[in-house]
Amino acid sequence: MRILVTGGAGFIGSHLTDAFLSRGDEVAVLDDLSTGRPGRLDPRVAVHQVSVTDAAALAAVVDAVRPELICHLAAQIDVRASVEDPAADARTNVIGTINVLEAARAGGARVLFASTGGALYGMDAAIPSAEDQFPEPEAPYGTAKYCAEQYIGLANRLHGTAHSVLRLGNVYGPRQDPAGEAGVVAIFCGKVSRGEQPVIYGDGGQTRDYVHVGDVADAFLAAADAPRPGVWNIGTGAETSILTLADVIGQVSGRPVEPGFGPARPGELRRSALDVTRAAGELGWKAATSLEEGVASVYAWVLAGEPDR
């Protein structure tokens, strides 16, 4: 298959690009490089430095690459940034997705969209949350992702396309920036490796569904080969509190973690875990990496100097 990965020089996108290459697919990347790094990518991959908010430039890349599949991962991913500037979040996450859909329609490509499970279902959702749970996001980021999903569903109804949505849990793994604003596993591993105190915002009882990036890449491959459109949660189905995560990092690192505490941040959920029954049944996919194994991979990567590859 010929595949274009938007946001392909990012943390998840670069792993996905590697996964497609490893099975013999032809892959190109579109990334504005605002946070992505070309060094994460295999040298065989062509990188087009273009933003999904630039409809004309995006369409030109799709016309040149002629992908059969577009994996759309380019996004504004910071929940706090979306609260501070919801219009900017919507420009990337809503308008950018519409631009991808229009370029895909012109080029006859199918789209796999990386949505969010963790920020979508809302404060009162059943745990674990299934795909038929009505979304009530608590921040502009989740709202924008849900809006983008609606445009994907509309495209399927209006144009007879077979685009699909993968609602991701809290993805972690090597190549996630330990100095960034998102990605608590990488941030905590980075601080612990340097002998610094990680900070928990809130009381530490808040839970997330942590899914390893390698498992997420496998889910995209399974969805790429699926014969029909769908909406699938991609997680582990398990809740893990921040305090438990800190304990696991302490066990892996051999350095007991005694975090500091700060005020809870607006727009962030108390509990989150995803029901992954549908993905197992329809895609034959299930997360295979335990939290201990996954955290160990991140800590080893940090100790190795956080290489791009």
Protein backbone atom coordinates (compact mmCIF):
# COMPACT_ATOMS: atom_id res chain seq x y z
CA MET A 1 0.00 0.00 0.00
CA ARG A 2 1.01 3.62 -0.53
CA ILE A 3 0.44 5.45 2.74
CA LEU A 4 0.66 9.08 3.85
CA VAL A 5 1.00 9.71 7.59
CA THR A 6 0.13 13.23 8.73
CA GLY A 7 2.05 14.09 11.88
CA GLY A 8 4.39 11.27 10.91
CA ALA A 9 7.49 12.87 12.43
CA GLY A 10 5.80 12.90 15.84
CA PHE A 11 5.95 10.38 18.65
CA ILE A 12 3.12 8.07 17.56
CA GLY A 13 3.42 8.85 13.86
CA SER A 14 7.06 7.84 13.63
CA HIS A 15 6.35 4.48 15.26
CA LEU A 16 3.43 3.95 12.89
CA THR A 17 5.62 4.81 9.91
CA ASP A 18 8.17 2.22 11.04
CA ALA A 19 5.42 -0.39 11.42
CA PHE A 20 4.13 0.13 7.89
CA LEU A 21 7.65 0.08 6.45
CA SER A 22 8.44 -3.15 8.29
CA ARG A 23 5.65 -4.97 6.45
CA GLY A 24 6.66 -3.61 3.06
CA ASP A 25 4.35 -0.64 2.57
CA GLU A 26 5.45 2.56 0.83
CA VAL A 27 5.21 5.47 3.28
CA ALA A 28 5.47 9.27 3.03
CA VAL A 29 5.06 11.78 5.86
CA LEU A 30 3.39 15.18 6.03
CA ASP A 31 4.36 17.20 9.11
CA ASP A 32 4.79 20.91 9.81
CA LEU A 33 7.70 19.99 12.13
CA SER A 34 6.45 22.31 14.88
CA THR A 35 6.93 19.43 17.31
CA GLY A 36 7.84 16.57 14.99
CA ARG A 37 11.46 15.64 14.32
CA PRO A 38 12.68 14.19 11.00
CA GLY A 39 15.39 12.30 12.88
CA ARG A 40 12.71 9.95 14.21
CA LEU A 41 12.08 8.67 10.69
CA ASP A 42 13.70 6.01 8.56
CA PRO A 43 15.85 7.73 5.91
CA ARG A 44 13.76 6.07 3.18
CA VAL A 45 10.71 8.15 4.13
CA ALA A 46 10.01 11.36 2.19
CA VAL A 47 9.00 14.20 4.52
CA HIS A 48 6.76 17.01 3.27
CA GLN A 49 6.93 20.00 5.62
CA VAL A 50 3.32 21.15 5.35
CA SER A 51 0.60 21.96 7.87
CA VAL A 52 -2.81 20.31 7.61
CA THR A 53 -4.25 23.80 8.10
CA ASP A 54 -2.87 24.75 4.66
CA ALA A 55 -5.49 23.16 2.42
CA ALA A 56 -3.82 23.94 -0.90
CA ALA A 57 -0.38 22.70 0.13
CA LEU A 58 -1.90 19.58 1.68
CA ALA A 59 -3.87 18.84 -1.49
CA ALA A 60 -0.71 19.24 -3.56
CA VAL A 61 1.15 16.68 -1.43
CA VAL A 62 -1.71 14.19 -1.65
CA ASP A 63 -1.85 14.69 -5.41
CA ALA A 64 1.90 14.04 -5.67
CA VAL A 65 2.05 11.05 -3.32
CA ARG A 66 -1.20 9.41 -4.48
CA PRO A 67 -1.75 7.48 -1.25
CA GLU A 68 -4.31 4.72 -0.98
CA LEU A 69 -4.48 5.36 2.78
CA ILE A 70 -3.99 8.51 4.86
CA CYS A 71 -3.33 8.00 8.57
CA HIS A 72 -4.26 11.35 10.08
CA LEU A 73 -2.32 11.93 13.30
CA ALA A 74 -1.38 15.62 12.92
CA ALA A 75 -3.04 17.43 15.81
CA GLN A 76 -2.89 19.91 18.65
CA ILE A 77 -2.72 17.46 21.57
CA ASP A 78 -2.33 19.60 24.71
CA VAL A 79 -5.57 19.72 26.74
CA ARG A 80 -4.39 22.78 28.68
CA ALA A 81 -3.46 24.63 25.48
CA SER A 82 -6.93 23.91 24.12
CA VAL A 83 -8.49 25.49 27.22
CA GLU A 84 -6.31 28.57 26.83
CA ASP A 85 -6.90 28.96 23.07
CA PRO A 86 -9.84 26.88 21.82
CA ALA A 87 -9.90 28.61 18.43
CA ALA A 88 -6.32 27.56 17.67
CA ASP A 89 -7.13 24.02 18.79
CA ALA A 90 -10.14 23.92 16.45
CA ARG A 91 -8.14 25.27 13.50
CA THR A 92 -5.80 22.30 13.70
CA ASN A 93 -8.08 19.56 14.97
CA VAL A 94 -11.31 20.42 13.12
CA ILE A 95 -10.39 22.49 10.05
CA GLY A 96 -7.20 20.47 9.58
CA THR A 97 -9.23 17.24 9.53
CA ILE A 98 -11.72 18.69 7.04
CA ASN A 99 -8.78 19.59 4.80
CA VAL A 100 -7.46 16.03 5.03
CA LEU A 101 -10.89 14.61 4.16
CA GLU A 102 -11.23 16.87 1.13
CA ALA A 103 -7.74 16.03 -0.10
CA ALA A 104 -8.47 12.34 0.43
CA ARG A 105 -11.73 12.61 -1.52
CA ALA A 106 -9.98 14.25 -4.44
CA GLY A 107 -7.27 11.57 -4.41
CA GLY A 108 -9.51 8.57 -3.72
CA ALA A 109 -7.77 7.71 -0.43
CA ARG A 110 -9.19 6.14 2.71
CA VAL A 111 -8.56 7.93 6.04
CA LEU A 112 -7.75 6.46 9.46
CA PHE A 113 -8.22 9.19 12.06
CA ALA A 114 -6.43 9.25 15.42
CA SER A 115 -9.06 10.50 17.85
CA THR A 116 -9.06 10.48 21.63
CA GLY A 117 -10.72 8.11 24.05
CA GLY A 118 -9.29 9.60 27.20
CA ALA A 119 -10.62 13.13 26.60
CA LEU A 120 -13.84 12.27 24.80
CA TYR A 121 -16.28 10.40 27.03
CA GLY A 122 -16.56 12.81 29.92
CA MET A 123 -16.76 12.91 33.68
CA ASP A 124 -19.89 10.78 34.11
CA ALA A 125 -19.09 8.04 31.60
CA ALA A 126 -19.26 4.38 32.55
CA ILE A 127 -15.83 2.86 33.24
CA PRO A 128 -14.55 1.29 31.07
CA SER A 129 -16.19 3.46 28.39
CA ALA A 130 -17.53 1.80 25.25
CA GLU A 131 -17.81 3.41 21.81
CA ASP A 132 -21.59 3.86 22.17
CA GLN A 133 -21.11 6.00 25.30
CA PHE A 134 -22.38 9.49 24.46
CA PRO A 135 -19.37 11.85 24.47
CA GLU A 136 -19.39 14.75 26.93
CA PRO A 137 -15.83 16.09 26.74
CA GLU A 138 -14.57 18.39 29.46
CA ALA A 139 -12.17 20.45 27.32
CA PRO A 140 -12.01 22.01 23.85
CA TYR A 141 -9.50 19.35 22.76
CA GLY A 142 -11.99 16.50 23.23
CA THR A 143 -14.77 18.60 21.72
CA ALA A 144 -12.70 19.30 18.61
CA LYS A 145 -11.77 15.65 18.19
CA TYR A 146 -15.43 14.63 18.46
CA CYS A 147 -16.38 17.31 15.94
CA ALA A 148 -13.74 15.94 13.56
CA GLU A 149 -15.22 12.46 14.01
CA GLN A 150 -18.59 13.83 12.95
CA TYR A 151 -17.11 15.16 9.72
CA ILE A 152 -15.60 11.72 9.09
CA GLY A 153 -18.98 10.07 9.57
CA LEU A 154 -20.56 12.69 7.31
CA ALA A 155 -18.00 12.00 4.58
CA ASN A 156 -18.83 8.30 4.74
CA ARG A 157 -22.56 9.01 4.39
CA LEU A 158 -22.24 11.76 1.82
CA HIS A 159 -19.53 10.34 -0.41
CA GLY A 160 -19.65 6.61 0.27
CA THR A 161 -16.13 6.54 1.72
CA ALA A 162 -14.84 4.01 4.25
CA HIS A 163 -12.95 6.23 6.69
CA SER A 164 -12.41 4.97 10.25
CA VAL A 165 -11.74 6.38 13.73
CA LEU A 166 -9.37 5.04 16.36
CA ARG A 167 -10.04 6.50 19.81
CA LEU A 168 -6.71 6.25 21.60
CA GLY A 169 -6.12 5.91 25.31
CA ASN A 170 -3.12 7.59 26.95
CA VAL A 171 -0.37 6.53 24.57
CA TYR A 172 3.18 6.28 25.92
CA GLY A 173 6.52 4.88 24.82
CA PRO A 174 10.00 5.80 23.56
CA ARG A 175 10.29 9.05 21.53
CA GLN A 176 7.71 10.86 23.66
CA ASP A 177 9.25 14.12 24.82
CA PRO A 178 10.20 13.90 28.55
CA ALA A 179 10.33 17.71 28.66
CA GLY A 180 6.92 18.15 27.01
CA GLU A 181 3.57 19.21 28.40
CA ALA A 182 1.83 15.88 27.68
CA GLY A 183 2.86 12.31 28.35
CA VAL A 184 3.20 11.70 32.07
CA VAL A 185 5.13 8.42 31.67
CA ALA A 186 7.96 10.06 29.72
CA ILE A 187 7.92 13.17 31.93
CA PHE A 188 8.13 11.16 35.16
CA CYS A 189 10.81 8.82 33.77
CA GLY A 190 12.87 11.81 32.69
CA LYS A 191 12.64 13.47 36.10
CA VAL A 192 13.36 10.27 38.04
CA SER A 193 16.42 9.52 35.87
CA ARG A 194 17.79 12.98 36.73
CA GLY A 195 17.06 12.65 40.44
CA GLU A 196 14.31 15.28 40.27
CA GLN A 197 10.93 15.19 41.96
CA PRO A 198 7.96 14.62 39.61
CA VAL A 199 4.84 16.68 40.31
CA ILE A 200 1.33 15.27 40.41
CA TYR A 201 -1.44 17.77 39.68
CA GLY A 202 -4.29 16.78 41.95
CA ASP A 203 -4.25 14.05 44.58
CA GLY A 204 -2.87 11.30 42.33
CA GLY A 205 -6.03 9.23 42.45
CA GLN A 206 -7.03 10.22 38.92
CA THR A 207 -6.84 7.29 36.50
CA ARG A 208 -5.92 6.79 32.86
CA ASP A 209 -5.76 3.91 30.37
CA TYR A 210 -2.07 3.74 29.44
CA VAL A 211 -1.45 1.95 26.12
CA HIS A 212 2.01 1.37 24.65
CA VAL A 213 2.80 2.99 21.31
CA GLY A 214 3.81 -0.35 19.79
CA ASP A 215 0.34 -1.70 20.49
CA VAL A 216 -1.21 1.44 18.99
CA ALA A 217 0.82 0.99 15.80
CA ASP A 218 -0.43 -2.59 15.59
CA ALA A 219 -4.02 -1.33 15.95
CA PHE A 220 -3.55 1.04 13.00
CA LEU A 221 -2.19 -1.80 10.88
CA ALA A 222 -5.21 -3.93 11.78
CA ALA A 223 -7.59 -1.06 10.95
CA ALA A 224 -5.78 -0.44 7.66
CA ASP A 225 -6.59 -4.00 6.66
CA ALA A 226 -10.19 -3.93 7.93
CA PRO A 227 -12.75 -4.34 5.15
CA ARG A 228 -15.20 -1.72 6.44
CA PRO A 229 -15.32 1.61 8.28
CA GLY A 230 -15.54 1.64 12.06
CA VAL A 231 -14.98 3.45 15.34
CA TRP A 232 -12.70 1.59 17.75
CA ASN A 233 -11.35 2.25 21.23
CA ILE A 234 -7.63 1.51 21.43
CA GLY A 235 -6.49 0.97 25.00
CA THR A 236 -6.02 -1.76 27.60
CA GLY A 237 -9.36 -1.60 29.39
CA ALA A 238 -7.57 -1.04 32.70
CA GLU A 239 -7.52 2.01 34.98
CA THR A 240 -4.16 3.03 36.41
CA SER A 241 -3.86 5.87 38.91
CA ILE A 242 -1.02 8.39 38.75
CA LEU A 243 0.14 7.17 42.16
CA THR A 244 0.28 3.59 40.89
CA LEU A 245 2.17 4.73 37.81
CA ALA A 246 4.70 6.49 40.06
CA ASP A 247 5.14 3.24 42.01
CA VAL A 248 5.75 1.27 38.79
CA ILE A 249 8.36 3.80 37.66
CA GLY A 250 10.03 3.47 41.05
CA GLN A 251 10.15 -0.31 40.70
CA VAL A 252 11.51 -0.18 37.15
CA SER A 253 14.12 2.48 37.93
CA GLY A 254 15.14 1.15 41.34
CA ARG A 255 14.59 4.66 42.68
CA PRO A 256 11.58 5.09 44.99
CA VAL A 257 9.45 7.94 43.68
CA GLU A 258 8.14 10.50 46.18
CA PRO A 259 6.22 12.98 44.04
CA GLY A 260 5.26 16.51 44.89
CA PHE A 261 1.70 17.71 44.47
CA GLY A 262 0.16 20.72 42.74
CA PRO A 263 -3.40 21.95 42.13
CA ALA A 264 -5.59 19.93 39.76
CA ARG A 265 -5.72 21.34 36.23
CA PRO A 266 -8.95 22.49 34.55
CA GLY A 267 -10.46 20.30 31.85
CA GLU A 268 -8.84 17.05 33.00
CA LEU A 269 -10.90 13.97 33.87
CA ARG A 270 -10.93 12.16 37.20
CA ARG A 271 -11.24 8.65 35.71
CA SER A 272 -10.70 7.14 32.29
CA ALA A 273 -10.47 3.63 30.83
CA LEU A 274 -11.62 2.28 27.49
CA ASP A 275 -13.73 -0.77 26.69
CA VAL A 276 -11.78 -2.49 23.90
CA THR A 277 -14.21 -5.35 23.22
CA ARG A 278 -15.14 -4.02 19.77
CA ALA A 279 -11.54 -3.73 18.58
CA ALA A 280 -10.90 -7.29 19.72
CA GLY A 281 -13.95 -8.61 17.90
CA GLU A 282 -13.78 -6.59 14.69
CA LEU A 283 -10.04 -6.06 14.26
CA GLY A 284 -8.64 -9.05 16.13
CA TRP A 285 -6.54 -6.56 18.08
CA LYS A 286 -5.63 -6.53 21.76
CA ALA A 287 -2.91 -4.64 23.62
CA ALA A 288 -0.02 -7.00 24.38
CA THR A 289 2.39 -4.84 26.41
CA SER A 290 2.08 -4.79 30.19
CA LEU A 291 2.50 -1.48 32.01
CA GLU A 292 5.70 -2.74 33.63
CA GLU A 293 7.18 -3.77 30.27
CA GLY A 294 6.14 -0.52 28.65
CA VAL A 295 7.47 1.71 31.41
CA ALA A 296 10.75 -0.24 31.34
CA SER A 297 11.06 0.51 27.60
CA VAL A 298 10.59 4.23 28.25
CA TYR A 299 13.04 4.32 31.16
CA ALA A 300 15.69 2.46 29.14
CA TRP A 301 15.19 4.92 26.29
CA VAL A 302 15.65 7.89 28.66
CA LEU A 303 18.83 6.36 30.09
CA ALA A 304 20.11 5.84 26.52
CA GLY A 305 19.94 9.60 25.97
CA GLU A 306 16.46 9.82 24.41
CA PRO A 307 17.60 8.96 20.86
CA ASP A 308 15.26 9.86 18.00
CA ARG A 309 15.61 6.27 16.78
